[in-house]
PDB file of N, CA and C in Angstrom:
ATOM      1  N   MET A   1      90.803  97.561  49.314  1.00  0.00           N
ATOM      2  CA  MET A   1      91.114  97.177  50.629  1.00  0.00           C
ATOM      3  C   MET A   1      90.714  95.648  50.577  1.00  0.00           C
ATOM      4  N   ASN A   2      91.467  94.815  51.367  1.00  0.00           N
ATOM      5  CA  ASN A   2      91.106  93.362  51.233  1.00  0.00           C
ATOM      6  C   ASN A   2      90.116  93.116  52.421  1.00  0.00           C
ATOM      7  N   LYS A   3      89.368  92.000  52.204  1.00  0.00           N
ATOM      8  CA  LYS A   3      88.183  91.724  53.132  1.00  0.00           C
ATOM      9  C   LYS A   3      88.551  91.577  54.538  1.00  0.00           C
ATOM     10  N   LEU A   4      89.842  90.967  54.883  1.00  0.00           N
ATOM     11  CA  LEU A   4      90.242  90.699  56.154  1.00  0.00           C
ATOM     12  C   LEU A   4      90.443  91.902  56.914  1.00  0.00           C
ATOM     13  N   ILE A   5      91.008  92.911  56.142  1.00  0.00           N
ATOM     14  CA  ILE A   5      91.237  94.208  56.794  1.00  0.00           C
ATOM     15  C   ILE A   5      89.945  95.048  57.119  1.00  0.00           C
ATOM     16  N   GLU A   6      89.107  94.942  56.104  1.00  0.00           N
ATOM     17  CA  GLU A   6      87.715  95.589  56.337  1.00  0.00           C
ATOM     18  C   GLU A   6      86.998  94.916  57.398  1.00  0.00           C
ATOM     19  N   ALA A   7      86.989  93.546  57.701  1.00  0.00           N
ATOM     20  CA  ALA A   7      86.393  92.978  58.915  1.00  0.00           C
ATOM     21  C   ALA A   7      86.866  93.447  60.112  1.00  0.00           C
ATOM     22  N   LYS A   8      88.358  93.438  60.132  1.00  0.00           N
ATOM     23  CA  LYS A   8      89.086  93.775  61.256  1.00  0.00           C
ATOM     24  C   LYS A   8      88.686  95.351  61.698  1.00  0.00           C
ATOM     25  N   ASP A   9      88.640  96.264  60.713  1.00  0.00           N
ATOM     26  CA  ASP A   9      88.252  97.608  60.930  1.00  0.00           C
ATOM     27  C   ASP A   9      86.923  97.780  61.505  1.00  0.00           C
ATOM     28  N   PHE A  10      86.109  97.003  60.906  1.00  0.00           N
ATOM     29  CA  PHE A  10      84.637  97.018  61.405  1.00  0.00           C
ATOM     30  C   PHE A  10      84.548  96.540  62.860  1.00  0.00           C
ATOM     31  N   ALA A  11      85.047  95.447  63.223  1.00  0.00           N
ATOM     32  CA  ALA A  11      84.996  94.928  64.407  1.00  0.00           C
ATOM     33  C   ALA A  11      85.562  95.893  65.572  1.00  0.00           C
ATOM     34  N   ILE A  12      86.735  96.532  65.111  1.00  0.00           N
ATOM     35  CA  ILE A  12      87.356  97.393  66.053  1.00  0.00           C
ATOM     36  C   ILE A  12      86.424  98.612  66.240  1.00  0.00           C
ATOM     37  N   LYS A  13      85.881  99.128  65.243  1.00  0.00           N
ATOM     38  CA  LYS A  13      84.928 100.223  65.307  1.00  0.00           C
ATOM     39  C   LYS A  13      83.801  99.973  66.229  1.00  0.00           C
ATOM     40  N   LYS A  14      83.177  98.753  66.049  1.00  0.00           N
ATOM     41  CA  LYS A  14      81.956  98.369  66.879  1.00  0.00           C
ATOM     42  C   LYS A  14      82.341  98.120  68.240  1.00  0.00           C
ATOM     43  N   HIS A  15      83.492  97.559  68.582  1.00  0.00           N
ATOM     44  CA  HIS A  15      83.823  97.224  70.006  1.00  0.00           C
ATOM     45  C   HIS A  15      84.420  98.464  70.628  1.00  0.00           C
ATOM     46  N   GLY A  16      84.899  99.511  69.965  1.00  0.00           N
ATOM     47  CA  GLY A  16      85.405 100.741  70.611  1.00  0.00           C
ATOM     48  C   GLY A  16      86.625 100.505  71.327  1.00  0.00           C
ATOM     49  N   ASP A  17      86.540 100.938  72.587  1.00  0.00           N
ATOM     50  CA  ASP A  17      87.725 100.896  73.581  1.00  0.00           C
ATOM     51  C   ASP A  17      87.570  99.579  74.397  1.00  0.00           C
ATOM     52  N   GLN A  18      86.797  98.702  74.095  1.00  0.00           N
ATOM     53  CA  GLN A  18      86.647  97.372  74.830  1.00  0.00           C
ATOM     54  C   GLN A  18      87.983  96.732  74.982  1.00  0.00           C
ATOM     55  N   PHE A  19      88.253  96.005  75.930  1.00  0.00           N
ATOM     56  CA  PHE A  19      89.444  95.172  76.341  1.00  0.00           C
ATOM     57  C   PHE A  19      89.107  93.716  76.386  1.00  0.00           C
ATOM     58  N   TYR A  20      89.999  92.932  75.951  1.00  0.00           N
ATOM     59  CA  TYR A  20      90.115  91.578  76.120  1.00  0.00           C
ATOM     60  C   TYR A  20      90.969  91.080  77.219  1.00  0.00           C
ATOM     61  N   GLY A  21      90.376  91.052  78.476  1.00  0.00           N
ATOM     62  CA  GLY A  21      91.241  90.893  79.705  1.00  0.00           C
ATOM     63  C   GLY A  21      91.979  92.221  79.743  1.00  0.00           C
ATOM     64  N   THR A  22      93.325  92.157  79.746  1.00  0.00           N
ATOM     65  CA  THR A  22      94.078  93.418  79.904  1.00  0.00           C
ATOM     66  C   THR A  22      94.554  93.999  78.591  1.00  0.00           C
ATOM     67  N   PHE A  23      94.245  93.316  77.577  1.00  0.00           N
ATOM     68  CA  PHE A  23      94.687  93.613  76.209  1.00  0.00           C
ATOM     69  C   PHE A  23      93.615  94.413  75.362  1.00  0.00           C
ATOM     70  N   PRO A  24      94.020  95.117  74.557  1.00  0.00           N
ATOM     71  CA  PRO A  24      92.955  95.846  73.454  1.00  0.00           C
ATOM     72  C   PRO A  24      92.295  94.625  72.821  1.00  0.00           C
ATOM     73  N   TYR A  25      90.923  95.087  72.279  1.00  0.00           N
ATOM     74  CA  TYR A  25      90.192  94.055  71.760  1.00  0.00           C
ATOM     75  C   TYR A  25      90.884  93.283  70.392  1.00  0.00           C
ATOM     76  N   GLU A  26      91.717  94.146  69.837  1.00  0.00           N
ATOM     77  CA  GLU A  26      92.331  93.682  68.522  1.00  0.00           C
ATOM     78  C   GLU A  26      93.180  92.397  68.843  1.00  0.00           C
ATOM     79  N   VAL A  27      93.684  92.111  70.067  1.00  0.00           N
ATOM     80  CA  VAL A  27      94.315  90.930  70.486  1.00  0.00           C
ATOM     81  C   VAL A  27      93.360  89.748  70.296  1.00  0.00           C
ATOM     82  N   HIS A  28      92.143  89.934  70.644  1.00  0.00           N
ATOM     83  CA  HIS A  28      91.077  88.802  70.578  1.00  0.00           C
ATOM     84  C   HIS A  28      90.892  88.620  69.002  1.00  0.00           C
ATOM     85  N   LEU A  29      90.826  89.512  68.301  1.00  0.00           N
ATOM     86  CA  LEU A  29      90.624  89.248  66.741  1.00  0.00           C
ATOM     87  C   LEU A  29      91.797  88.539  66.314  1.00  0.00           C
ATOM     88  N   ILE A  30      93.102  88.829  66.589  1.00  0.00           N
ATOM     89  CA  ILE A  30      94.183  88.087  66.084  1.00  0.00           C
ATOM     90  C   ILE A  30      94.104  86.714  66.454  1.00  0.00           C
ATOM     91  N   ASN A  31      93.806  86.466  67.861  1.00  0.00           N
ATOM     92  CA  ASN A  31      93.632  85.081  68.155  1.00  0.00           C
ATOM     93  C   ASN A  31      92.657  84.374  67.410  1.00  0.00           C
ATOM     94  N   VAL A  32      91.401  84.904  67.109  1.00  0.00           N
ATOM     95  CA  VAL A  32      90.406  84.191  66.309  1.00  0.00           C
ATOM     96  C   VAL A  32      90.939  83.931  64.956  1.00  0.00           C
ATOM     97  N   VAL A  33      91.605  84.696  64.192  1.00  0.00           N
ATOM     98  CA  VAL A  33      92.152  84.558  62.899  1.00  0.00           C
ATOM     99  C   VAL A  33      93.062  83.463  63.070  1.00  0.00           C
ATOM    100  N   ASN A  34      93.904  83.408  63.955  1.00  0.00           N
ATOM    101  CA  ASN A  34      94.980  82.322  64.092  1.00  0.00           C
ATOM    102  C   ASN A  34      94.433  81.027  64.244  1.00  0.00           C
ATOM    103  N   VAL A  35      93.202  80.776  65.014  1.00  0.00           N
ATOM    104  CA  VAL A  35      92.593  79.681  65.136  1.00  0.00           C
ATOM    105  C   VAL A  35      91.865  79.170  63.941  1.00  0.00           C
ATOM    106  N   LEU A  36      91.359  80.210  63.191  1.00  0.00           N
ATOM    107  CA  LEU A  36      90.632  79.794  62.017  1.00  0.00           C
ATOM    108  C   LEU A  36      91.624  79.231  60.886  1.00  0.00           C
ATOM    109  N   LEU A  37      92.798  80.017  60.896  1.00  0.00           N
ATOM    110  CA  LEU A  37      93.829  79.574  59.991  1.00  0.00           C
ATOM    111  C   LEU A  37      94.402  78.139  60.272  1.00  0.00           C
ATOM    112  N   PHE A  38      94.381  77.838  61.550  1.00  0.00           N
ATOM    113  CA  PHE A  38      94.951  76.534  62.005  1.00  0.00           C
ATOM    114  C   PHE A  38      93.915  75.472  61.526  1.00  0.00           C
ATOM    115  N   ILE A  39      92.648  75.695  61.742  1.00  0.00           N
ATOM    116  CA  ILE A  39      91.562  74.694  61.308  1.00  0.00           C
ATOM    117  C   ILE A  39      91.456  74.719  59.851  1.00  0.00           C
ATOM    118  N   TYR A  40      91.695  75.688  58.962  1.00  0.00           N
ATOM    119  CA  TYR A  40      91.637  75.680  57.719  1.00  0.00           C
ATOM    120  C   TYR A  40      92.858  74.781  57.095  1.00  0.00           C
ATOM    121  N   THR A  41      93.989  75.028  57.766  1.00  0.00           N
ATOM    122  CA  THR A  41      95.178  74.405  57.323  1.00  0.00           C
ATOM    123  C   THR A  41      95.038  72.781  57.671  1.00  0.00           C
ATOM    124  N   PHE A  42      94.564  72.549  58.811  1.00  0.00           N
ATOM    125  CA  PHE A  42      94.298  71.094  59.293  1.00  0.00           C
ATOM    126  C   PHE A  42      93.239  70.349  58.326  1.00  0.00           C
ATOM    127  N   ILE A  43      92.214  71.180  57.894  1.00  0.00           N
ATOM    128  CA  ILE A  43      91.301  70.564  56.794  1.00  0.00           C
ATOM    129  C   ILE A  43      91.974  70.386  55.617  1.00  0.00           C
ATOM    130  N   LEU A  44      92.764  71.290  55.047  1.00  0.00           N
ATOM    131  CA  LEU A  44      93.392  71.145  53.888  1.00  0.00           C
ATOM    132  C   LEU A  44      94.467  69.954  53.777  1.00  0.00           C
ATOM    133  N   ILE A  45      95.075  69.840  54.798  1.00  0.00           N
ATOM    134  CA  ILE A  45      96.137  68.691  54.923  1.00  0.00           C
ATOM    135  C   ILE A  45      95.421  67.333  55.005  1.00  0.00           C
ATOM    136  N   HIS A  46      94.376  67.241  55.759  1.00  0.00           N
ATOM    137  CA  HIS A  46      93.597  65.926  55.707  1.00  0.00           C
ATOM    138  C   HIS A  46      92.908  65.714  54.449  1.00  0.00           C
ATOM    139  N   PHE A  47      92.320  66.711  53.751  1.00  0.00           N
ATOM    140  CA  PHE A  47      91.781  66.437  52.523  1.00  0.00           C
ATOM    141  C   PHE A  47      92.812  66.001  51.544  1.00  0.00           C
ATOM    142  N   TYR A  48      94.053  66.622  51.563  1.00  0.00           N
ATOM    143  CA  TYR A  48      95.146  66.234  50.461  1.00  0.00           C
ATOM    144  C   TYR A  48      95.576  64.798  50.836  1.00  0.00           C
ATOM    145  N   PHE A  49      95.827  64.512  52.265  1.00  0.00           N
ATOM    146  CA  PHE A  49      96.178  63.110  52.596  1.00  0.00           C
ATOM    147  C   PHE A  49      95.237  61.991  52.078  1.00  0.00           C
ATOM    148  N   PHE A  50      93.922  62.222  52.413  1.00  0.00           N
ATOM    149  CA  PHE A  50      93.010  61.295  52.131  1.00  0.00           C
ATOM    150  C   PHE A  50      92.621  61.171  50.613  1.00  0.00           C
ATOM    151  N   THR A  51      92.880  62.113  49.823  1.00  0.00           N
ATOM    152  CA  THR A  51      92.594  62.191  48.439  1.00  0.00           C
ATOM    153  C   THR A  51      93.748  61.694  47.648  1.00  0.00           C
ATOM    154  N   PHE A  52      94.874  62.075  47.975  1.00  0.00           N
ATOM    155  CA  PHE A  52      96.081  61.783  47.002  1.00  0.00           C
ATOM    156  C   PHE A  52      97.120  60.760  47.631  1.00  0.00           C
ATOM    157  N   ALA A  53      97.030  60.433  48.884  1.00  0.00           N
ATOM    158  CA  ALA A  53      97.938  59.482  49.426  1.00  0.00           C
ATOM    159  C   ALA A  53      97.561  58.108  49.381  1.00  0.00           C
TER     160      ALA A  53
END
């Protein structure tokens, strides 16, 4: 099993039936992952630009 799925399953188990506003907690997890991916992509692009451009 991949680490991302393990982390997601762990967080969902620990938060149980908790809600994020009117949505299940899983929606919050998805939003967090999307923000982290955006930041990671931003850093990679800037690193490439300032290193090779």
